[in-house]
């Protein structure tokens, strides 16, 4: 059995598997993290991805505006990064995410996004 249990497959809704998350952090840190740490990081990532998918569905269904989507997604990214920081610690967090981890809202070009998603 895999050291991260039986989570070898991707989850049903396309999320990364536990093993893929472990491989990502191992590649970025050049070492393995304890299974408990991987589980915490995986849970945080799953929570973020589900929120992102929910918001995307809301936006696609014209239930929220592009502005609200962006605002709530930025909050979710900040929470995900804060969780990652708390789990990894400062040094490993910056090795993995760099400075963008402190400002995840900079990952999406606000003006381009809003131009591509006219308000409802």
Protein backbone atom coordinates (compact mmCIF):
# COMPACT_ATOMS: atom_id res chain seq x y z
CA UNK A 1 0.00 0.00 0.00
CA UNK A 2 1.16 3.53 -0.79
CA UNK A 3 2.42 5.54 2.17
CA UNK A 4 -0.37 8.05 1.54
CA UNK A 5 -3.00 5.27 1.74
CA UNK A 6 -5.10 4.43 -1.28
CA UNK A 7 -5.47 7.90 -2.77
CA UNK A 8 -3.63 6.99 -5.96
CA UNK A 9 -6.42 8.09 -8.28
CA UNK A 10 -7.64 11.58 -8.96
CA UNK A 11 -10.87 12.40 -7.21
CA UNK A 12 -14.09 12.17 -9.16
CA UNK A 13 -14.35 15.89 -9.84
CA UNK A 14 -10.85 16.26 -11.26
CA UNK A 15 -9.05 17.33 -8.10
CA UNK A 16 -5.47 16.26 -7.59
CA UNK A 17 -4.93 13.02 -5.72
CA UNK A 18 -3.16 12.87 -2.40
CA UNK A 19 -0.16 11.34 -4.15
CA UNK A 20 -0.03 14.20 -6.69
CA UNK A 21 -0.06 16.74 -3.87
CA UNK A 22 2.74 14.85 -2.13
CA UNK A 23 4.76 14.78 -5.37
CA UNK A 24 4.24 18.52 -5.91
CA UNK A 25 5.60 19.41 -2.48
CA UNK A 26 8.43 16.87 -2.71
CA UNK A 27 9.51 18.37 -6.04
CA UNK A 28 9.43 21.91 -4.65
CA UNK A 29 11.08 21.12 -1.34
CA UNK A 30 13.46 18.39 -2.53
CA UNK A 31 12.27 16.15 0.31
CA UNK A 32 9.21 14.26 1.45
CA UNK A 33 6.83 15.72 3.97
CA UNK A 34 5.26 13.61 6.73
CA UNK A 35 1.98 11.96 5.67
CA UNK A 36 0.04 14.01 8.26
CA UNK A 37 1.30 17.23 6.67
CA UNK A 38 0.38 16.02 3.20
CA UNK A 39 -3.11 15.17 4.44
CA UNK A 40 -3.55 18.67 5.88
CA UNK A 41 -2.31 20.30 2.66
CA UNK A 42 -4.53 18.03 0.58
CA UNK A 43 -7.61 18.87 2.64
CA UNK A 44 -6.91 22.57 2.30
CA UNK A 45 -6.47 22.22 -1.46
CA UNK A 46 -9.68 20.21 -1.82
CA UNK A 47 -11.59 22.84 0.17
CA UNK A 48 -10.18 25.58 -2.06
CA UNK A 49 -10.94 23.73 -5.30
CA UNK A 50 -14.51 23.04 -4.21
CA UNK A 51 -15.05 26.69 -3.37
CA UNK A 52 -13.54 27.67 -6.73
CA UNK A 53 -15.83 25.23 -8.55
CA UNK A 54 -18.87 26.45 -6.63
CA UNK A 55 -18.06 30.07 -7.48
CA UNK A 56 -17.45 29.16 -11.12
CA UNK A 57 -20.84 27.47 -11.29
CA UNK A 58 -22.46 30.51 -9.70
CA UNK A 59 -20.78 32.80 -12.22
CA UNK A 60 -21.64 30.58 -15.18
CA UNK A 61 -25.25 30.41 -14.00
CA UNK A 62 -25.44 34.21 -13.76
CA UNK A 63 -26.13 33.96 -10.03
CA UNK A 64 -23.22 36.20 -9.06
CA UNK A 65 -21.41 39.00 -10.84
CA UNK A 66 -17.86 38.73 -12.11
CA UNK A 67 -16.87 41.29 -9.48
CA UNK A 68 -18.32 39.17 -6.67
CA UNK A 69 -16.75 36.02 -8.12
CA UNK A 70 -13.34 37.67 -8.14
CA UNK A 71 -13.77 39.04 -4.63
CA UNK A 72 -14.83 35.68 -3.17
CA UNK A 73 -12.19 33.76 -5.12
CA UNK A 74 -9.50 36.11 -3.83
CA UNK A 75 -10.73 35.53 -0.27
CA UNK A 76 -10.65 31.76 -0.84
CA UNK A 77 -7.11 31.97 -2.26
CA UNK A 78 -5.96 34.02 0.73
CA UNK A 79 -7.45 31.46 3.11
CA UNK A 80 -5.80 28.62 1.17
CA UNK A 81 -2.43 30.39 1.32
CA UNK A 82 -2.85 31.17 5.04
CA UNK A 83 -3.63 27.50 5.68
CA UNK A 84 -0.59 26.46 3.65
CA UNK A 85 1.61 28.91 5.56
CA UNK A 86 0.37 27.56 8.90
CA UNK A 87 0.90 23.96 7.80
CA UNK A 88 4.29 24.39 6.11
CA UNK A 89 5.87 27.16 8.16
CA UNK A 90 7.44 30.30 6.72
CA UNK A 91 10.56 28.82 5.12
CA UNK A 92 8.87 25.93 3.30
CA UNK A 93 5.91 28.12 2.33
CA UNK A 94 8.18 30.57 0.52
CA UNK A 95 10.13 27.76 -1.12
CA UNK A 96 6.90 26.42 -2.59
CA UNK A 97 4.87 29.56 -3.34
CA UNK A 98 7.37 32.39 -3.35
CA UNK A 99 6.18 35.93 -2.84
CA UNK A 100 2.97 35.33 -4.79
CA UNK A 101 1.83 33.28 -1.81
CA UNK A 102 1.52 36.51 0.14
CA UNK A 103 -0.55 38.17 -2.59
CA UNK A 104 -2.52 35.45 -4.38
CA UNK A 105 -4.96 38.01 -5.73
CA UNK A 106 -2.18 39.07 -8.11
CA UNK A 107 -2.55 35.74 -9.94
CA UNK A 108 -5.66 36.94 -11.80
CA UNK A 109 -5.53 40.05 -13.97
CA UNK A 110 -8.63 41.81 -12.63
CA UNK A 111 -9.21 44.08 -15.64
CA UNK A 112 -8.89 41.26 -18.16
CA UNK A 113 -11.12 38.97 -16.14
CA UNK A 114 -13.86 41.59 -15.79
CA UNK A 115 -13.62 42.46 -19.49
CA UNK A 116 -14.10 38.79 -20.35
CA UNK A 117 -17.06 38.42 -17.98
CA UNK A 118 -19.48 41.34 -18.42
CA UNK A 119 -21.68 42.03 -15.41
CA UNK A 120 -25.13 40.58 -15.15
